[in-house]
């Protein structure tokens, strides 16, 4: 796929297996370390699992919030990239993220966010190979990112209301 991409998440297909977290942490940390995964699965209501990762907001508030130039947008994938050498762990990017996806790494304290694995996201591959297909790569211009750039609590609330008539 050419051009910027997006990881489309379908919580109705998510089983909560967390293979995506394991695959991501293995790729990025070379260890099973879900706390350091760039994708997280939240279960705020029993039976409602929501995979949550960077929505690549079109205005990139996290990048704008960084006063040290530690964040930039990849020209090819559209992902936010972190320069750990420039990151001061100030947390400005974390506070600016509307979806509360940007976090400080539990080991290094540096900013961490999904970099789309250079265009071939490991989490998507793990989900697809397991047969769940809750994660799919699509062209960035085919998504209304503002649906995804919200906190997991809001996604859960909407999904709960849809499924159970909340």
Protein backbone atom coordinates (compact mmCIF):
# COMPACT_ATOMS: atom_id res chain seq x y z
CA UNK A 1 0.00 0.00 0.00
CA UNK A 2 1.43 3.37 -1.03
CA UNK A 3 0.99 6.57 0.92
CA UNK A 4 -0.02 7.15 4.52
CA UNK A 5 -1.84 4.28 6.20
CA UNK A 6 -4.17 3.82 9.14
CA UNK A 7 -4.92 0.89 11.43
CA UNK A 8 -8.68 0.48 11.31
CA UNK A 9 -9.99 -1.05 14.54
CA UNK A 10 -13.22 -3.03 14.70
CA UNK A 11 -14.05 -3.61 18.37
CA UNK A 12 -16.95 -5.88 17.39
CA UNK A 13 -14.38 -8.39 16.09
CA UNK A 14 -11.93 -7.94 18.99
CA UNK A 15 -11.93 -10.93 21.36
CA UNK A 16 -9.63 -9.35 23.91
CA UNK A 17 -6.90 -11.93 23.25
CA UNK A 18 -4.26 -9.18 23.33
CA UNK A 19 -2.12 -10.87 20.66
CA UNK A 20 -1.70 -7.39 19.18
CA UNK A 21 -0.07 -6.17 22.43
CA UNK A 22 2.21 -9.20 22.54
CA UNK A 23 3.21 -8.85 18.87
CA UNK A 24 3.91 -5.14 19.27
CA UNK A 25 5.99 -5.53 22.41
CA UNK A 26 7.96 -8.40 20.86
CA UNK A 27 8.69 -6.27 17.79
CA UNK A 28 9.56 -3.07 19.66
CA UNK A 29 10.98 -4.38 22.95
CA UNK A 30 12.10 -7.90 22.00
CA UNK A 31 10.11 -9.14 25.02
CA UNK A 32 6.51 -9.81 25.95
CA UNK A 33 5.83 -6.53 27.73
CA UNK A 34 2.25 -5.37 27.16
CA UNK A 35 2.83 -2.20 29.20
CA UNK A 36 5.32 -1.13 26.52
CA UNK A 37 3.03 -2.01 23.62
CA UNK A 38 2.06 0.81 21.27
CA UNK A 39 -1.44 -0.67 20.96
CA UNK A 40 -3.58 -1.41 24.00
CA UNK A 41 -6.78 -3.38 24.47
CA UNK A 42 -9.18 -1.94 27.03
CA UNK A 43 -12.07 -3.77 28.65
CA UNK A 44 -13.99 -1.26 30.74
CA UNK A 45 -17.24 -3.23 30.44
CA UNK A 46 -17.21 -7.05 30.59
CA UNK A 47 -17.23 -8.53 27.11
CA UNK A 48 -16.50 -5.23 25.36
CA UNK A 49 -12.87 -5.14 24.21
CA UNK A 50 -11.54 -2.07 22.43
CA UNK A 51 -8.16 -2.03 20.67
CA UNK A 52 -6.74 1.48 20.93
CA UNK A 53 -3.78 3.02 19.13
CA UNK A 54 -2.73 6.27 17.46
CA UNK A 55 -5.40 7.92 15.30
CA UNK A 56 -2.81 10.04 13.46
CA UNK A 57 -4.87 13.20 13.96
CA UNK A 58 -4.68 15.36 10.88
CA UNK A 59 -3.44 18.30 12.94
CA UNK A 60 -1.02 16.12 15.02
CA UNK A 61 -1.44 17.90 18.39
CA UNK A 62 1.26 15.74 20.00
CA UNK A 63 3.83 16.85 17.43
CA UNK A 64 2.84 20.50 17.84
CA UNK A 65 3.04 20.21 21.63
CA UNK A 66 6.65 19.02 21.63
CA UNK A 67 8.89 22.04 22.18
CA UNK A 68 12.05 20.00 21.68
CA UNK A 69 11.47 18.67 18.15
CA UNK A 70 11.40 15.08 19.40
CA UNK A 71 8.31 14.19 17.36
CA UNK A 72 7.78 14.31 13.63
CA UNK A 73 5.40 12.84 11.07
CA UNK A 74 6.79 10.17 8.76
CA UNK A 75 6.38 11.29 5.15
CA UNK A 76 5.67 7.77 3.91
CA UNK A 77 3.34 6.21 6.49
CA UNK A 78 1.94 9.28 8.24
CA UNK A 79 2.95 7.84 11.62
CA UNK A 80 4.31 9.93 14.47
CA UNK A 81 7.99 9.13 14.99
CA UNK A 82 9.83 9.77 18.27
CA UNK A 83 13.47 10.84 18.45
CA UNK A 84 14.38 9.48 21.89
CA UNK A 85 17.59 11.52 21.93
CA UNK A 86 15.59 14.75 21.78
CA UNK A 87 12.78 13.63 24.09
CA UNK A 88 13.01 15.15 27.58
CA UNK A 89 10.14 13.09 29.03
CA UNK A 90 8.25 16.32 29.78
CA UNK A 91 4.88 14.77 28.90
CA UNK A 92 3.60 17.65 26.74
CA UNK A 93 2.76 15.22 23.95
CA UNK A 94 0.91 12.94 26.37
CA UNK A 95 -1.26 15.81 27.60
CA UNK A 96 -1.94 17.00 24.03
CA UNK A 97 -3.11 13.62 22.70
CA UNK A 98 -6.93 13.68 22.40
CA UNK A 99 -7.15 9.87 22.44
CA UNK A 100 -4.72 9.47 25.33
CA UNK A 101 -2.66 7.10 23.23
CA UNK A 102 0.71 8.83 23.57
CA UNK A 103 2.45 7.56 26.72
CA UNK A 104 5.81 7.66 28.36
CA UNK A 105 7.68 4.37 28.05
CA UNK A 106 7.51 2.39 31.32
CA UNK A 107 11.25 1.70 31.18
CA UNK A 108 12.92 4.69 29.57
CA UNK A 109 10.37 7.41 30.36
CA UNK A 110 10.58 8.61 26.75
CA UNK A 111 7.54 9.32 24.58
CA UNK A 112 6.16 6.27 22.81
CA UNK A 113 3.46 5.89 20.20
CA UNK A 114 2.66 3.56 17.30
CA UNK A 115 5.02 4.11 14.36
CA UNK A 116 3.05 1.69 12.14
CA UNK A 117 6.13 -0.58 12.03
CA UNK A 118 7.35 1.26 8.97
CA UNK A 119 4.18 0.43 7.04
CA UNK A 120 3.68 -3.24 7.99
CA UNK A 121 2.13 -3.20 11.49
CA UNK A 122 2.97 -6.30 13.49
CA UNK A 123 -0.26 -6.04 15.51
CA UNK A 124 -2.36 -6.23 12.34
CA UNK A 125 -0.46 -9.27 11.15
CA UNK A 126 -0.93 -11.09 14.48
CA UNK A 127 -4.65 -10.32 14.55
CA UNK A 128 -5.13 -11.42 10.94
CA UNK A 129 -3.11 -14.63 11.38
CA UNK A 130 -5.19 -15.50 14.45
CA UNK A 131 -8.29 -15.14 12.26
CA UNK A 132 -9.92 -12.28 14.17
CA UNK A 133 -9.38 -9.43 11.68
CA UNK A 134 -10.21 -6.77 14.26
CA UNK A 135 -7.28 -4.74 12.90
CA UNK A 136 -6.87 -3.83 9.23
CA UNK A 137 -4.52 -1.51 7.36
CA UNK A 138 -6.33 0.95 5.11
CA UNK A 139 -5.28 4.12 3.28
CA UNK A 140 -5.20 7.08 5.67
CA UNK A 141 -7.48 9.17 3.48
CA UNK A 142 -10.31 6.60 3.79
CA UNK A 143 -10.91 7.13 7.50
CA UNK A 144 -12.64 9.76 9.58
CA UNK A 145 -9.90 9.86 12.18
CA UNK A 146 -11.95 11.92 14.66
CA UNK A 147 -14.04 8.80 15.32
CA UNK A 148 -10.85 7.19 16.65
CA UNK A 149 -9.13 10.12 18.35
CA UNK A 150 -11.16 9.83 21.54
CA UNK A 151 -10.39 8.29 24.91
CA UNK A 152 -11.10 4.55 25.30
CA UNK A 153 -13.84 5.33 27.85
CA UNK A 154 -15.85 7.14 25.16
CA UNK A 155 -15.41 4.32 22.64
CA UNK A 156 -16.55 1.85 25.29
CA UNK A 157 -19.58 3.94 26.17
CA UNK A 158 -20.65 4.18 22.52
CA UNK A 159 -20.08 0.49 21.90
CA UNK A 160 -21.87 -0.53 25.10
CA UNK A 161 -24.88 1.58 24.13
CA UNK A 162 -24.88 0.05 20.65
CA UNK A 163 -24.62 -3.53 21.88
CA UNK A 164 -26.72 -3.40 25.03
CA UNK A 165 -29.00 -0.41 24.47
CA UNK A 166 -27.30 1.55 27.27
